[in-house]
Amino acid sequence: MSKDIKYNYKNLFLGMLFDAIGMLSFTLPYIGEFSDVIWAPLAGWIMTRMYKDKIGKAAGIVTFIEELVPGLDFIPTFTLMWLYTYVIKRKYN
C-alpha cells in the first residue's frame, strides 16, 4: 500500500472520529448543546488543517456552522469532505 493511500485512510479514520465527537452532544441533553459552543470552532480549525487551501477554509466554515447550529450535528462533514477530496474530486480530474 502506498504512502498516499495510507494517508487517505488516516484522514478517513480521523474524520469519522471527529464526526463521532461532534455527534456526542446528542447523548447529553442540554449540556450537549453547550459543548457545541466549544467544539464548533475547534472542529472548524481541525478541518482547515486536514484539508489545505481554499477548499479546506470553506469546509472549515461549513463545519463550524454545522456544529454550532442545534440539530445539525448528525451531518458527517469530515467524512463528506474526505469523500469529496479522495473519491469525487479524483474521479472527475
N, C-alpha and C. Protein backbone atom coordinates (compact mmCIF):
# COMPACT_ATOMS: atom_id res chain seq x y z
N MET A 1 0.85 -1.17 0.00
CA MET A 1 0.00 0.00 0.00
C MET A 1 0.90 1.24 0.00
N SER A 2 0.62 2.16 -0.89
CA SER A 2 1.47 3.34 -1.00
C SER A 2 1.21 4.31 0.16
N LYS A 3 2.16 5.19 0.36
CA LYS A 3 2.07 6.16 1.45
C LYS A 3 0.84 7.06 1.26
N ASP A 4 0.54 7.43 0.01
CA ASP A 4 -0.60 8.30 -0.28
C ASP A 4 -1.91 7.65 0.13
N ILE A 5 -2.05 6.36 -0.16
CA ILE A 5 -3.27 5.65 0.19
C ILE A 5 -3.41 5.53 1.70
N LYS A 6 -2.30 5.25 2.40
CA LYS A 6 -2.35 5.17 3.86
C LYS A 6 -2.77 6.51 4.44
N TYR A 7 -2.25 7.62 3.90
CA TYR A 7 -2.61 8.94 4.37
C TYR A 7 -4.10 9.20 4.15
N ASN A 8 -4.61 8.77 2.99
CA ASN A 8 -6.03 8.95 2.69
C ASN A 8 -6.90 8.26 3.73
N TYR A 9 -6.55 7.03 4.08
CA TYR A 9 -7.35 6.29 5.05
C TYR A 9 -7.15 6.82 6.46
N LYS A 10 -6.00 7.40 6.74
CA LYS A 10 -5.78 8.03 8.04
C LYS A 10 -6.75 9.21 8.18
N ASN A 11 -6.88 10.02 7.13
CA ASN A 11 -7.83 11.13 7.15
C ASN A 11 -9.27 10.65 7.28
N LEU A 12 -9.60 9.53 6.65
CA LEU A 12 -10.94 8.97 6.77
C LEU A 12 -11.21 8.56 8.21
N PHE A 13 -10.27 7.84 8.82
CA PHE A 13 -10.44 7.41 10.21
C PHE A 13 -10.57 8.62 11.13
N LEU A 14 -9.68 9.60 10.97
CA LEU A 14 -9.75 10.81 11.81
C LEU A 14 -11.07 11.55 11.59
N GLY A 15 -11.50 11.64 10.35
CA GLY A 15 -12.76 12.31 10.04
C GLY A 15 -13.94 11.63 10.70
N MET A 16 -13.97 10.31 10.66
CA MET A 16 -15.06 9.58 11.30
C MET A 16 -15.02 9.77 12.82
N LEU A 17 -13.82 9.81 13.38
CA LEU A 17 -13.66 10.06 14.81
C LEU A 17 -14.18 11.45 15.17
N PHE A 18 -13.80 12.47 14.40
CA PHE A 18 -14.25 13.83 14.68
C PHE A 18 -15.76 13.98 14.48
N ASP A 19 -16.32 13.28 13.48
CA ASP A 19 -17.77 13.30 13.30
C ASP A 19 -18.46 12.67 14.52
N ALA A 20 -17.89 11.60 15.04
CA ALA A 20 -18.46 10.95 16.23
C ALA A 20 -18.40 11.88 17.44
N ILE A 21 -17.29 12.58 17.59
CA ILE A 21 -17.18 13.54 18.70
C ILE A 21 -18.26 14.62 18.56
N GLY A 22 -18.46 15.11 17.36
CA GLY A 22 -19.49 16.12 17.13
C GLY A 22 -20.89 15.62 17.42
N MET A 23 -21.13 14.33 17.21
CA MET A 23 -22.45 13.76 17.46
C MET A 23 -22.69 13.42 18.93
N LEU A 24 -21.65 13.46 19.73
CA LEU A 24 -21.79 13.14 21.16
C LEU A 24 -22.76 14.09 21.87
N SER A 25 -22.91 15.28 21.35
CA SER A 25 -23.80 16.24 22.02
C SER A 25 -25.25 15.74 22.04
N PHE A 26 -25.60 14.82 21.14
CA PHE A 26 -26.95 14.24 21.17
C PHE A 26 -27.17 13.40 22.41
N THR A 27 -26.11 12.87 22.98
CA THR A 27 -26.24 11.96 24.12
C THR A 27 -26.34 12.69 25.45
N LEU A 28 -26.01 13.96 25.48
CA LEU A 28 -26.05 14.74 26.73
C LEU A 28 -27.08 15.86 26.61
N PRO A 29 -28.31 15.61 27.05
CA PRO A 29 -29.34 16.66 26.93
C PRO A 29 -28.92 17.94 27.65
N TYR A 30 -29.17 19.06 27.01
CA TYR A 30 -28.89 20.41 27.49
C TYR A 30 -27.39 20.71 27.58
N ILE A 31 -26.62 19.83 28.17
CA ILE A 31 -25.16 20.03 28.28
C ILE A 31 -24.54 19.89 26.89
N GLY A 32 -25.08 19.00 26.09
CA GLY A 32 -24.54 18.75 24.76
C GLY A 32 -24.53 19.97 23.88
N GLU A 33 -25.60 20.74 23.91
CA GLU A 33 -25.65 21.95 23.07
C GLU A 33 -24.62 22.97 23.53
N PHE A 34 -24.35 23.04 24.82
CA PHE A 34 -23.30 23.94 25.32
C PHE A 34 -21.93 23.47 24.82
N SER A 35 -21.74 22.16 24.77
CA SER A 35 -20.44 21.64 24.30
C SER A 35 -20.19 22.00 22.84
N ASP A 36 -21.26 22.20 22.08
CA ASP A 36 -21.10 22.60 20.68
C ASP A 36 -20.43 23.97 20.55
N VAL A 37 -20.63 24.83 21.52
CA VAL A 37 -20.01 26.14 21.50
C VAL A 37 -18.48 26.00 21.56
N ILE A 38 -18.02 25.00 22.27
CA ILE A 38 -16.58 24.72 22.36
C ILE A 38 -16.10 23.92 21.15
N TRP A 39 -16.88 22.91 20.75
CA TRP A 39 -16.47 22.01 19.68
C TRP A 39 -16.51 22.67 18.30
N ALA A 40 -17.46 23.57 18.05
CA ALA A 40 -17.61 24.16 16.72
C ALA A 40 -16.35 24.87 16.22
N PRO A 41 -15.76 25.79 16.98
CA PRO A 41 -14.55 26.44 16.45
C PRO A 41 -13.37 25.47 16.35
N LEU A 42 -13.29 24.54 17.27
CA LEU A 42 -12.22 23.55 17.22
C LEU A 42 -12.35 22.66 15.99
N ALA A 43 -13.57 22.20 15.71
CA ALA A 43 -13.80 21.37 14.54
C ALA A 43 -13.50 22.12 13.24
N GLY A 44 -13.89 23.38 13.19
CA GLY A 44 -13.59 24.19 12.01
C GLY A 44 -12.09 24.34 11.80
N TRP A 45 -11.36 24.57 12.87
CA TRP A 45 -9.91 24.71 12.79
C TRP A 45 -9.26 23.39 12.35
N ILE A 46 -9.73 22.28 12.92
CA ILE A 46 -9.18 20.96 12.55
C ILE A 46 -9.41 20.70 11.06
N MET A 47 -10.59 21.05 10.57
CA MET A 47 -10.89 20.83 9.16
C MET A 47 -9.92 21.61 8.27
N THR A 48 -9.59 22.85 8.65
CA THR A 48 -8.66 23.64 7.84
C THR A 48 -7.25 23.06 7.88
N ARG A 49 -6.91 22.33 8.90
CA ARG A 49 -5.59 21.69 9.00
C ARG A 49 -5.55 20.38 8.21
N MET A 50 -6.66 19.68 8.18
CA MET A 50 -6.70 18.40 7.44
C MET A 50 -6.74 18.61 5.93
N TYR A 51 -7.42 19.67 5.50
CA TYR A 51 -7.58 19.95 4.07
C TYR A 51 -7.12 21.38 3.81
N LYS A 52 -6.09 21.53 3.04
CA LYS A 52 -5.45 22.83 2.81
C LYS A 52 -6.16 23.65 1.74
N ASP A 53 -5.66 24.84 1.54
CA ASP A 53 -6.10 25.78 0.51
C ASP A 53 -7.53 26.27 0.73
N LYS A 54 -8.12 26.78 -0.34
CA LYS A 54 -9.46 27.38 -0.26
C LYS A 54 -10.53 26.37 0.12
N ILE A 55 -10.40 25.16 -0.38
CA ILE A 55 -11.41 24.15 -0.10
C ILE A 55 -11.42 23.79 1.38
N GLY A 56 -10.26 23.77 2.00
CA GLY A 56 -10.17 23.50 3.43
C GLY A 56 -10.76 24.62 4.26
N LYS A 57 -10.52 25.86 3.84
CA LYS A 57 -11.09 27.01 4.54
C LYS A 57 -12.61 27.01 4.42
N ALA A 58 -13.12 26.72 3.22
CA ALA A 58 -14.57 26.66 3.03
C ALA A 58 -15.17 25.54 3.87
N ALA A 59 -14.52 24.38 3.87
CA ALA A 59 -15.02 23.26 4.67
C ALA A 59 -14.96 23.58 6.16
N GLY A 60 -13.95 24.33 6.59
CA GLY A 60 -13.86 24.74 7.99
C GLY A 60 -15.02 25.62 8.40
N ILE A 61 -15.41 26.53 7.52
CA ILE A 61 -16.55 27.41 7.80
C ILE A 61 -17.84 26.60 7.86
N VAL A 62 -18.03 25.70 6.90
CA VAL A 62 -19.22 24.86 6.88
C VAL A 62 -19.27 23.99 8.14
N THR A 63 -18.14 23.42 8.53
CA THR A 63 -18.09 22.59 9.72
C THR A 63 -18.42 23.41 10.96
N PHE A 64 -17.87 24.61 11.06
CA PHE A 64 -18.15 25.49 12.20
C PHE A 64 -19.65 25.75 12.31
N ILE A 65 -20.27 26.12 11.20
CA ILE A 65 -21.71 26.42 11.21
C ILE A 65 -22.52 25.17 11.53
N GLU A 66 -22.15 24.04 10.92
CA GLU A 66 -22.89 22.80 11.14
C GLU A 66 -22.83 22.37 12.60
N GLU A 67 -21.70 22.52 13.24
CA GLU A 67 -21.56 22.14 14.64
C GLU A 67 -22.23 23.13 15.58
N LEU A 68 -22.30 24.39 15.19
CA LEU A 68 -22.86 25.42 16.06
C LEU A 68 -24.39 25.43 16.04
N VAL A 69 -24.99 25.16 14.90
CA VAL A 69 -26.44 25.21 14.77
C VAL A 69 -27.05 23.95 15.40
N PRO A 70 -27.95 24.13 16.37
CA PRO A 70 -28.57 22.98 17.01
C PRO A 70 -29.35 22.12 16.02
N GLY A 71 -29.20 20.82 16.16
CA GLY A 71 -29.94 19.88 15.32
C GLY A 71 -29.22 19.44 14.06
N LEU A 72 -28.09 20.04 13.74
CA LEU A 72 -27.37 19.66 12.52
C LEU A 72 -26.18 18.75 12.80
N ASP A 73 -26.00 18.36 14.05
CA ASP A 73 -24.84 17.55 14.42
C ASP A 73 -24.79 16.20 13.73
N PHE A 74 -25.90 15.74 13.21
CA PHE A 74 -25.93 14.42 12.55
C PHE A 74 -25.21 14.41 11.20
N ILE A 75 -24.93 15.58 10.63
CA ILE A 75 -24.27 15.65 9.32
C ILE A 75 -22.78 15.35 9.49
N PRO A 76 -22.27 14.32 8.83
CA PRO A 76 -20.85 13.94 8.98
C PRO A 76 -19.95 14.75 8.05
N THR A 77 -19.71 16.01 8.38
CA THR A 77 -18.98 16.90 7.49
C THR A 77 -17.56 16.44 7.22
N PHE A 78 -16.87 15.89 8.21
CA PHE A 78 -15.50 15.43 7.99
C PHE A 78 -15.48 14.27 7.00
N THR A 79 -16.40 13.33 7.16
CA THR A 79 -16.47 12.18 6.25
C THR A 79 -16.88 12.62 4.85
N LEU A 80 -17.82 13.55 4.76
CA LEU A 80 -18.23 14.06 3.45
C LEU A 80 -17.09 14.78 2.75
N MET A 81 -16.30 15.51 3.51
CA MET A 81 -15.13 16.20 2.92
C MET A 81 -14.12 15.18 2.41
N TRP A 82 -13.91 14.10 3.16
CA TRP A 82 -12.99 13.05 2.70
C TRP A 82 -13.51 12.44 1.39
N LEU A 83 -14.81 12.15 1.34
CA LEU A 83 -15.39 11.58 0.11
C LEU A 83 -15.21 12.54 -1.06
N TYR A 84 -15.46 13.82 -0.83
CA TYR A 84 -15.28 14.80 -1.90
C TYR A 84 -13.83 14.84 -2.37
N THR A 85 -12.90 14.91 -1.43
CA THR A 85 -11.48 15.07 -1.76
C THR A 85 -10.88 13.85 -2.42
N TYR A 86 -11.14 12.67 -1.86
CA TYR A 86 -10.43 11.47 -2.31
C TYR A 86 -11.23 10.56 -3.23
N VAL A 87 -12.53 10.81 -3.39
CA VAL A 87 -13.33 9.97 -4.29
C VAL A 87 -13.90 10.81 -5.43
N ILE A 88 -14.73 11.78 -5.12
CA ILE A 88 -15.43 12.54 -6.15
C ILE A 88 -14.46 13.40 -6.95
N LYS A 89 -13.64 14.20 -6.28
CA LYS A 89 -12.74 15.11 -6.97
C LYS A 89 -11.74 14.36 -7.84
N ARG A 90 -11.22 13.25 -7.34
CA ARG A 90 -10.25 12.46 -8.12
C ARG A 90 -10.91 11.76 -9.30
N LYS A 91 -12.16 11.40 -9.16
CA LYS A 91 -12.87 10.72 -10.24
C LYS A 91 -13.04 11.65 -11.45
N TYR A 92 -13.26 12.92 -11.18
CA TYR A 92 -13.52 13.87 -12.26
C TYR A 92 -12.31 14.69 -12.67
N ASN A 93 -11.16 14.40 -12.12
CA ASN A 93 -9.91 15.08 -12.53
C ASN A 93 -9.12 14.24 -13.48
